[in-house]
Amino acid sequence: MKEALVAELERVKHTTGMTAVGIHSLNFGTAPPKINGIKCFDETEHDQVALDVDLLVVTKNSEIVLSFGNPLLYATTNVEVSDIVLRGTLRAEFKPLFPWWPTLGAVAVSFIDRPTVDFQLKVLHINVMDLPSLSPILHKAVYSGVERCCLWPNKIVIPFVEDLTLLEVETLTENHSLGMLVLRDLRVSGVNPSRAYSRWSGVYGFCLRFSMGKESVATETIRGQTSFEFTGKAYKLLVLDPEIQDLAVTLECSEVLQTRKHINTQWIHLNNLELRVGCSKQVSFGCDGDCRAEFELSWYPFTRQKHSPEAEVEPLPEDIARSGVVFIKLLRCEDLASMDISGTSDPYVVFHVGCQSKRSSVKRHTLNPVRPTSA
């Protein structure tokens, strides 16, 4: 919430005549929130518990101070926010559920409707009449911060399992399921080495790297050629919904007496992809744009969308139907030594599934998503 509020203050600081904004103090006091009612849902997903909480927050002994400044004018203003009242219905989703302690993997909270927020302002070291528009500006900033941070479908995710991976947290936050992004019919042309000796000797090579988030896959290195068609090859990335992620395509080249270097990286927006329907894409590298890569993209979510009728969805290809995610629970490890001589590095375990690997810290419960390459 603090980050969201600072971002909103940055957006409105020009309207106050100030060039710098920040939060000097953030303490909501000692008064606990009041719960006026709780509603539980009977029909939910099999791996979650959901409930609505009628919440009322009235601060007491709070200390919230916002700072505004303009170094050029030697002006600094501190604004104290007090008597905060927040009223709204908070939805809490506990998922995933585990058959071991702590039973709940994480809780995702969000307001199902725009909550009511009110507060009083006390401007320190300056007359409040000098900033007549400050109150509506801050009210708007607070409402915008709440909406961007925790108004449905935006959520705040609090994991209860220490090593809940970032991929899982992002999935819970965006309320999307995992899926496979597949690249087929890759064709690369116009890759010319920069050195004349490399062109004459043919000692050069290139490869393409595709990445989304932490997932990355690369083609094999093609040597001595300026064009190549990766016939029959399919490159797969375990990703979230393409509507919230972009695909990075990087061209890497190597020449004689040179290490491999990145020539250029292009980003592709994928918010127009349809489910299980191929879409042709083309990217250009370099200043002149002579080097190009063409390929077909397809998006295969692991779970069927509820609003998609059965008849309108194409069946999964066999290689995609045999793909998925392996979740490994590390139950017990004994007599593991430190991973360095000094004894300061914690031990860890590396899991391998096919050519994929995932390193984990040694804890009581470990979730490690590893994408297999075969059934």
Protein backbone atom coordinates (compact mmCIF):
# COMPACT_ATOMS: atom_id res chain seq x y z
CA MET A 1 0.00 0.00 0.00
CA LYS A 2 2.90 2.33 0.79
CA GLU A 3 4.40 1.80 -2.68
CA ALA A 4 1.03 2.42 -4.34
CA LEU A 5 0.50 5.63 -2.35
CA VAL A 6 3.98 6.94 -3.18
CA ALA A 7 3.35 6.23 -6.87
CA GLU A 8 0.09 8.20 -6.77
CA LEU A 9 1.75 11.11 -4.95
CA GLU A 10 4.42 11.20 -7.66
CA ARG A 11 1.68 11.55 -10.27
CA VAL A 12 0.01 14.51 -8.54
CA LYS A 13 3.02 16.35 -7.12
CA HIS A 14 3.10 18.84 -10.02
CA THR A 15 -0.37 20.08 -9.01
CA THR A 16 0.98 21.11 -5.58
CA GLY A 17 3.95 23.03 -6.95
CA MET A 18 6.36 20.57 -5.34
CA THR A 19 9.06 18.50 -7.04
CA ALA A 20 9.68 15.88 -4.35
CA VAL A 21 7.21 13.81 -2.35
CA GLY A 22 7.54 10.98 0.11
CA ILE A 23 6.25 9.32 3.25
CA HIS A 24 8.08 10.56 6.33
CA SER A 25 6.26 8.32 8.81
CA LEU A 26 3.71 5.52 8.45
CA ASN A 27 2.15 4.16 11.65
CA PHE A 28 -1.56 3.28 11.76
CA GLY A 29 -1.69 3.28 15.55
CA THR A 30 -2.92 0.77 18.10
CA ALA A 31 -6.63 0.44 17.34
CA PRO A 32 -7.46 -2.99 15.86
CA PRO A 33 -9.85 -3.24 12.90
CA LYS A 34 -13.45 -4.14 13.64
CA ILE A 35 -15.16 -7.04 11.86
CA ASN A 36 -18.90 -6.53 11.57
CA GLY A 37 -19.62 -9.76 9.73
CA ILE A 38 -18.11 -12.69 7.83
CA LYS A 39 -19.64 -14.52 4.89
CA CYS A 40 -18.18 -17.86 3.77
CA PHE A 41 -18.67 -19.37 0.31
CA ASP A 42 -19.76 -22.96 -0.13
CA GLU A 43 -18.98 -23.27 -3.85
CA THR A 44 -15.33 -22.46 -4.53
CA GLU A 45 -12.39 -24.10 -6.23
CA HIS A 46 -11.32 -27.38 -4.69
CA ASP A 47 -8.00 -25.97 -3.45
CA GLN A 48 -9.14 -22.75 -1.81
CA VAL A 49 -11.28 -21.20 0.94
CA ALA A 50 -12.96 -17.84 0.26
CA LEU A 51 -14.80 -15.48 2.57
CA ASP A 52 -16.00 -11.85 2.64
CA VAL A 53 -15.25 -9.68 5.67
CA ASP A 54 -17.24 -6.52 6.49
CA LEU A 55 -14.34 -4.42 7.72
CA LEU A 56 -14.22 -1.14 9.65
CA VAL A 57 -10.92 0.56 10.44
CA VAL A 58 -10.76 3.66 12.67
CA THR A 59 -7.21 4.69 13.53
CA LYS A 60 -6.10 5.72 17.01
CA ASN A 61 -2.71 7.14 18.02
CA SER A 62 -1.67 6.97 14.38
CA GLU A 63 1.33 8.81 12.96
CA ILE A 64 1.22 9.26 9.20
CA VAL A 65 3.27 12.15 7.83
CA LEU A 66 3.66 12.96 4.14
CA SER A 67 6.47 15.24 3.00
CA PHE A 68 6.43 17.64 0.06
CA GLY A 69 9.42 19.67 -1.06
CA ASN A 70 10.83 21.95 -3.73
CA PRO A 71 14.62 22.35 -3.40
CA LEU A 72 14.72 25.20 -5.90
CA LEU A 73 12.34 27.27 -3.77
CA TYR A 74 13.79 26.00 -0.46
CA ALA A 75 10.25 24.94 0.46
CA THR A 76 9.38 21.90 2.54
CA THR A 77 5.95 20.90 3.78
CA ASN A 78 4.95 18.07 6.10
CA VAL A 79 1.33 16.96 6.09
CA GLU A 80 -0.05 14.83 8.90
CA VAL A 81 -2.92 12.48 8.05
CA SER A 82 -5.14 11.66 11.03
CA ASP A 83 -8.58 10.29 11.94
CA ILE A 84 -8.56 7.72 9.15
CA VAL A 85 -11.80 5.82 8.62
CA LEU A 86 -11.97 2.91 6.18
CA ARG A 87 -15.10 0.86 5.57
CA GLY A 88 -15.52 -1.85 2.96
CA THR A 89 -16.00 -5.53 2.19
CA LEU A 90 -12.71 -7.38 2.01
CA ARG A 91 -12.53 -10.70 0.18
CA ALA A 92 -9.94 -13.15 1.46
CA GLU A 93 -8.97 -16.17 -0.65
CA PHE A 94 -6.86 -18.81 1.06
CA LYS A 95 -5.08 -20.91 -1.55
CA PRO A 96 -3.47 -23.23 -2.31
CA LEU A 97 -4.41 -25.70 0.42
CA PHE A 98 -1.82 -28.20 1.64
CA PRO A 99 -2.25 -31.51 3.52
CA TRP A 100 0.47 -30.38 5.96
CA TRP A 101 1.15 -27.43 8.24
CA PRO A 102 0.57 -24.51 7.77
CA THR A 103 -2.27 -25.94 5.60
CA LEU A 104 -2.74 -22.58 3.84
CA GLY A 105 -0.20 -21.66 1.18
CA ALA A 106 -1.11 -17.98 0.88
CA VAL A 107 -3.93 -15.51 1.37
CA ALA A 108 -4.98 -13.05 -1.34
CA VAL A 109 -7.02 -10.06 -0.15
CA SER A 110 -8.89 -7.44 -2.15
CA PHE A 111 -11.91 -5.15 -1.79
CA ILE A 112 -14.83 -6.38 -3.89
CA ASP A 113 -16.21 -2.82 -4.10
CA ARG A 114 -14.58 0.56 -3.78
CA PRO A 115 -14.19 1.13 -0.02
CA THR A 116 -15.10 4.33 1.79
CA VAL A 117 -11.99 6.21 2.93
CA ASP A 118 -11.98 9.46 4.89
CA PHE A 119 -9.33 11.32 6.86
CA GLN A 120 -8.31 14.71 8.20
CA LEU A 121 -5.25 16.76 7.25
CA LYS A 122 -3.00 18.83 9.45
CA VAL A 123 -0.37 20.80 7.57
CA LEU A 124 2.73 21.42 9.67
CA HIS A 125 4.85 24.59 9.42
CA ILE A 126 2.52 26.18 6.90
CA ASN A 127 -0.94 27.67 6.78
CA VAL A 128 -3.44 25.25 5.26
CA MET A 129 -4.94 28.14 3.30
CA ASP A 130 -1.73 28.34 1.28
CA LEU A 131 -2.57 24.95 -0.25
CA PRO A 132 -6.35 25.01 -0.76
CA SER A 133 -6.32 22.11 -3.23
CA LEU A 134 -4.23 19.78 -1.07
CA SER A 135 -7.16 17.91 0.51
CA PRO A 136 -8.89 16.84 -2.75
CA ILE A 137 -5.53 15.97 -4.28
CA LEU A 138 -4.62 13.64 -1.41
CA HIS A 139 -8.10 12.11 -1.29
CA LYS A 140 -7.84 11.32 -4.99
CA ALA A 141 -4.33 9.90 -4.54
CA VAL A 142 -5.45 7.64 -1.69
CA TYR A 143 -8.46 6.33 -3.62
CA SER A 144 -6.30 5.71 -6.71
CA GLY A 145 -3.71 3.91 -4.60
CA VAL A 146 -6.33 1.66 -3.04
CA GLU A 147 -7.84 0.85 -6.44
CA ARG A 148 -4.49 0.02 -8.03
CA CYS A 149 -3.33 -2.00 -5.05
CA CYS A 150 -6.26 -3.98 -3.67
CA LEU A 151 -9.52 -3.32 -5.52
CA TRP A 152 -10.76 -6.43 -7.30
CA PRO A 153 -9.34 -7.90 -9.53
CA ASN A 154 -6.12 -6.46 -8.06
CA LYS A 155 -4.98 -8.40 -5.01
CA ILE A 156 -2.41 -8.34 -2.24
CA VAL A 157 -0.88 -11.80 -1.81
CA ILE A 158 0.64 -12.79 1.53
CA PRO A 159 2.43 -16.18 1.34
CA PHE A 160 2.50 -18.43 4.41
CA VAL A 161 5.08 -20.81 2.92
CA GLU A 162 8.51 -19.17 2.95
CA ASP A 163 9.71 -20.51 -0.38
CA LEU A 164 6.50 -20.04 -2.34
CA THR A 165 8.02 -19.17 -5.70
CA LEU A 166 7.54 -15.85 -7.44
CA LEU A 167 5.85 -17.65 -10.30
CA GLU A 168 3.16 -19.03 -7.99
CA VAL A 169 2.67 -15.68 -6.24
CA GLU A 170 2.21 -13.92 -9.58
CA THR A 171 -0.28 -16.59 -10.62
CA LEU A 172 -2.33 -16.05 -7.46
CA THR A 173 -2.14 -12.27 -7.80
CA GLU A 174 -3.35 -12.11 -11.38
CA ASN A 175 -5.86 -14.94 -10.93
CA HIS A 176 -4.53 -16.73 -14.02
CA SER A 177 -3.48 -20.34 -14.56
CA LEU A 178 -0.20 -21.54 -15.96
CA GLY A 179 0.15 -22.52 -19.57
CA MET A 180 2.59 -23.24 -22.37
CA LEU A 181 3.68 -20.75 -25.02
CA VAL A 182 4.92 -22.66 -28.08
CA LEU A 183 7.04 -21.25 -30.92
CA ARG A 184 7.04 -23.14 -34.21
CA ASP A 185 8.24 -22.68 -37.82
CA LEU A 186 11.14 -20.44 -36.82
CA ARG A 187 12.99 -18.87 -39.76
CA VAL A 188 15.96 -16.52 -39.41
CA SER A 189 17.52 -14.54 -42.26
CA GLY A 190 20.02 -11.73 -42.85
CA VAL A 191 22.47 -12.53 -40.05
CA ASN A 192 25.77 -11.08 -41.32
CA PRO A 193 28.95 -10.98 -39.21
CA SER A 194 30.49 -7.57 -38.60
CA ARG A 195 34.10 -8.61 -39.37
CA ALA A 196 35.31 -9.26 -42.89
CA TYR A 197 37.55 -12.12 -41.71
CA SER A 198 34.56 -13.82 -40.12
CA ARG A 199 32.59 -13.57 -43.35
CA TRP A 200 35.57 -14.87 -45.38
CA SER A 201 36.43 -17.75 -43.05
CA GLY A 202 32.89 -18.66 -42.08
CA VAL A 203 33.88 -18.75 -38.41
CA TYR A 204 30.79 -17.19 -36.90
CA GLY A 205 27.46 -18.30 -35.53
CA PHE A 206 24.17 -17.15 -34.11
CA CYS A 207 21.28 -18.31 -31.98
CA LEU A 208 17.96 -16.90 -30.77
CA ARG A 209 16.87 -16.76 -27.14
CA PHE A 210 13.20 -16.46 -26.12
CA SER A 211 12.31 -15.45 -22.57
CA MET A 212 9.24 -14.52 -20.51
CA GLY A 213 9.73 -13.72 -16.84
CA LYS A 214 12.18 -16.22 -15.40
CA GLU A 215 11.60 -18.78 -18.15
CA SER A 216 14.03 -18.89 -21.06
CA VAL A 217 14.77 -21.18 -24.00
CA ALA A 218 17.37 -20.89 -26.78
CA THR A 219 17.88 -22.44 -30.18
CA GLU A 220 20.98 -24.37 -31.10
CA THR A 221 23.88 -22.33 -32.47
CA ILE A 222 23.95 -22.12 -36.27
CA ARG A 223 27.50 -21.73 -37.62
CA GLY A 224 28.73 -20.35 -40.92
CA GLN A 225 25.28 -19.43 -42.25
CA THR A 226 23.37 -16.18 -42.59
CA SER A 227 19.92 -17.81 -42.81
CA PHE A 228 18.36 -20.90 -41.31
CA GLU A 229 14.98 -22.61 -40.99
CA PHE A 230 14.45 -24.54 -37.77
CA THR A 231 12.20 -27.10 -39.43
CA GLY A 232 10.28 -29.38 -37.12
CA LYS A 233 11.47 -27.58 -33.99
CA ALA A 234 9.09 -26.40 -31.26
CA TYR A 235 10.28 -24.19 -28.39
CA LYS A 236 8.17 -24.14 -25.24
CA LEU A 237 7.97 -21.64 -22.39
CA LEU A 238 6.08 -22.21 -19.14
CA VAL A 239 4.42 -18.83 -18.63
CA LEU A 240 1.41 -17.06 -17.21
CA ASP A 241 -1.38 -15.49 -19.24
CA PRO A 242 0.18 -13.61 -22.19
CA GLU A 243 -2.08 -10.66 -21.45
CA ILE A 244 0.18 -9.72 -18.54
CA GLN A 245 3.57 -10.76 -19.96
CA ASP A 246 5.64 -9.86 -23.02
CA LEU A 247 7.93 -12.12 -25.01
CA ALA A 248 11.58 -11.07 -25.36
CA VAL A 249 13.41 -12.26 -28.49
CA THR A 250 17.20 -11.84 -28.34
CA LEU A 251 19.70 -12.42 -31.15
CA GLU A 252 23.09 -13.66 -29.91
CA CYS A 253 26.06 -13.80 -32.29
CA SER A 254 29.64 -15.02 -32.01
CA GLU A 255 32.62 -14.39 -34.29
CA VAL A 256 36.25 -15.39 -34.45
CA LEU A 257 38.31 -14.04 -31.52
CA GLN A 258 35.11 -12.69 -29.95
CA THR A 259 32.84 -13.96 -27.22
CA ARG A 260 29.14 -14.34 -27.85
CA LYS A 261 27.32 -11.02 -27.63
CA HIS A 262 23.76 -9.79 -27.72
CA ILE A 263 23.01 -7.99 -30.96
CA ASN A 264 19.54 -6.79 -30.09
CA THR A 265 16.43 -7.66 -28.08
CA GLN A 266 12.90 -7.10 -29.33
CA TRP A 267 9.75 -7.27 -27.20
CA ILE A 268 6.49 -8.71 -28.51
CA HIS A 269 3.12 -7.94 -26.92
CA LEU A 270 0.94 -11.05 -26.77
CA ASN A 271 -2.38 -9.66 -25.55
CA ASN A 272 -4.01 -10.51 -28.90
CA LEU A 273 -3.27 -14.24 -28.83
CA GLU A 274 -6.23 -16.58 -29.02
CA LEU A 275 -6.40 -19.89 -27.18
CA ARG A 276 -4.71 -22.71 -29.10
CA VAL A 277 -4.71 -20.75 -32.37
CA GLY A 278 -1.41 -20.05 -34.09
CA CYS A 279 -0.41 -16.44 -34.76
CA SER A 280 2.42 -15.39 -37.09
CA LYS A 281 5.01 -12.98 -35.69
CA GLN A 282 8.00 -11.18 -37.19
CA VAL A 283 10.81 -9.22 -35.54
CA SER A 284 13.77 -7.26 -36.94
CA PHE A 285 17.20 -6.87 -35.36
CA GLY A 286 19.87 -4.22 -35.78
CA CYS A 287 19.74 -0.66 -37.04
CA ASP A 288 19.12 -1.54 -40.68
CA GLY A 289 16.54 -4.22 -39.93
CA ASP A 290 17.97 -6.66 -42.50
CA CYS A 291 18.18 -9.44 -39.93
CA ARG A 292 14.74 -10.91 -39.31
CA ALA A 293 13.10 -13.75 -37.44
CA GLU A 294 9.69 -15.15 -38.34
CA PHE A 295 7.79 -17.72 -36.30
CA GLU A 296 4.34 -18.86 -35.19
CA LEU A 297 3.13 -18.47 -31.61
CA SER A 298 0.45 -20.54 -29.88
CA TRP A 299 -0.89 -20.26 -26.32
CA TYR A 300 -2.07 -23.41 -24.49
CA PRO A 301 -3.39 -22.85 -20.94
CA PHE A 302 -3.37 -25.91 -18.71
CA THR A 303 -6.97 -25.32 -17.57
CA ARG A 304 -9.93 -24.55 -19.77
CA GLN A 305 -11.40 -21.07 -19.46
CA LYS A 306 -14.85 -21.20 -17.87
CA HIS A 307 -16.36 -18.84 -20.43
CA SER A 308 -15.08 -20.88 -23.40
CA PRO A 309 -17.67 -23.34 -24.75
CA GLU A 310 -16.42 -26.87 -25.25
CA ALA A 311 -17.18 -26.88 -28.99
CA GLU A 312 -15.16 -23.75 -29.73
CA VAL A 313 -11.86 -24.98 -28.27
CA GLU A 314 -9.45 -26.97 -30.43
CA PRO A 315 -7.97 -30.12 -28.86
CA LEU A 316 -4.48 -29.90 -27.45
CA PRO A 317 -1.62 -31.17 -29.62
CA GLU A 318 -0.11 -34.39 -28.33
CA ASP A 319 3.21 -32.83 -27.29
CA ILE A 320 1.39 -30.12 -25.30
CA ALA A 321 -1.09 -32.55 -23.75
CA ARG A 322 1.86 -34.51 -22.32
CA SER A 323 3.43 -31.38 -20.79
CA GLY A 324 2.77 -29.95 -17.38
CA VAL A 325 4.30 -28.82 -14.11
CA VAL A 326 5.96 -30.99 -11.49
CA PHE A 327 5.67 -29.76 -7.88
CA ILE A 328 8.29 -31.33 -5.64
CA LYS A 329 7.92 -31.36 -1.86
CA LEU A 330 11.22 -31.76 -0.04
CA LEU A 331 10.40 -33.74 3.12
CA ARG A 332 13.71 -34.54 4.76
CA CYS A 333 17.42 -33.87 4.30
CA GLU A 334 20.21 -34.97 6.64
CA ASP A 335 23.94 -34.27 7.00
CA LEU A 336 24.11 -31.67 4.24
CA ALA A 337 27.34 -29.69 4.38
CA SER A 338 27.74 -26.05 3.49
CA MET A 339 28.14 -25.28 -0.21
CA ASP A 340 31.36 -23.26 0.26
CA ILE A 341 34.59 -23.55 2.23
CA SER A 342 33.80 -20.70 4.62
CA GLY A 343 30.64 -22.43 5.78
CA THR A 344 28.46 -19.39 5.21
CA SER A 345 26.42 -20.67 2.26
CA ASP A 346 23.26 -22.61 3.04
CA PRO A 347 22.99 -26.06 1.46
CA TYR A 348 20.51 -26.69 -1.29
CA VAL A 349 19.20 -29.48 -3.48
CA VAL A 350 18.98 -29.48 -7.27
CA PHE A 351 16.05 -31.31 -8.87
CA HIS A 352 16.26 -32.51 -12.48
CA VAL A 353 13.39 -33.50 -14.76
CA GLY A 354 14.69 -34.25 -18.22
CA CYS A 355 16.90 -31.34 -19.23
CA GLN A 356 15.12 -28.96 -16.84
CA SER A 357 16.48 -28.24 -13.36
CA LYS A 358 15.46 -26.22 -10.32
CA ARG A 359 17.57 -25.36 -7.29
CA SER A 360 15.89 -25.18 -3.91
CA SER A 361 16.83 -24.09 -0.44
CA VAL A 362 16.54 -26.77 2.20
CA LYS A 363 13.41 -26.08 4.19
CA ARG A 364 10.63 -28.15 5.60
CA HIS A 365 8.33 -27.59 2.64
CA THR A 366 9.64 -26.64 -0.77
CA LEU A 367 7.61 -25.97 -3.91
CA ASN A 368 9.67 -26.10 -7.08
CA PRO A 369 7.93 -25.84 -10.46
CA VAL A 370 9.92 -27.79 -13.04
CA ARG A 371 8.74 -28.15 -16.61
CA PRO A 372 9.27 -31.67 -18.02
CA THR A 373 10.21 -32.24 -21.64
CA SER A 374 8.46 -35.58 -22.00
CA ALA A 375 5.56 -37.52 -20.55
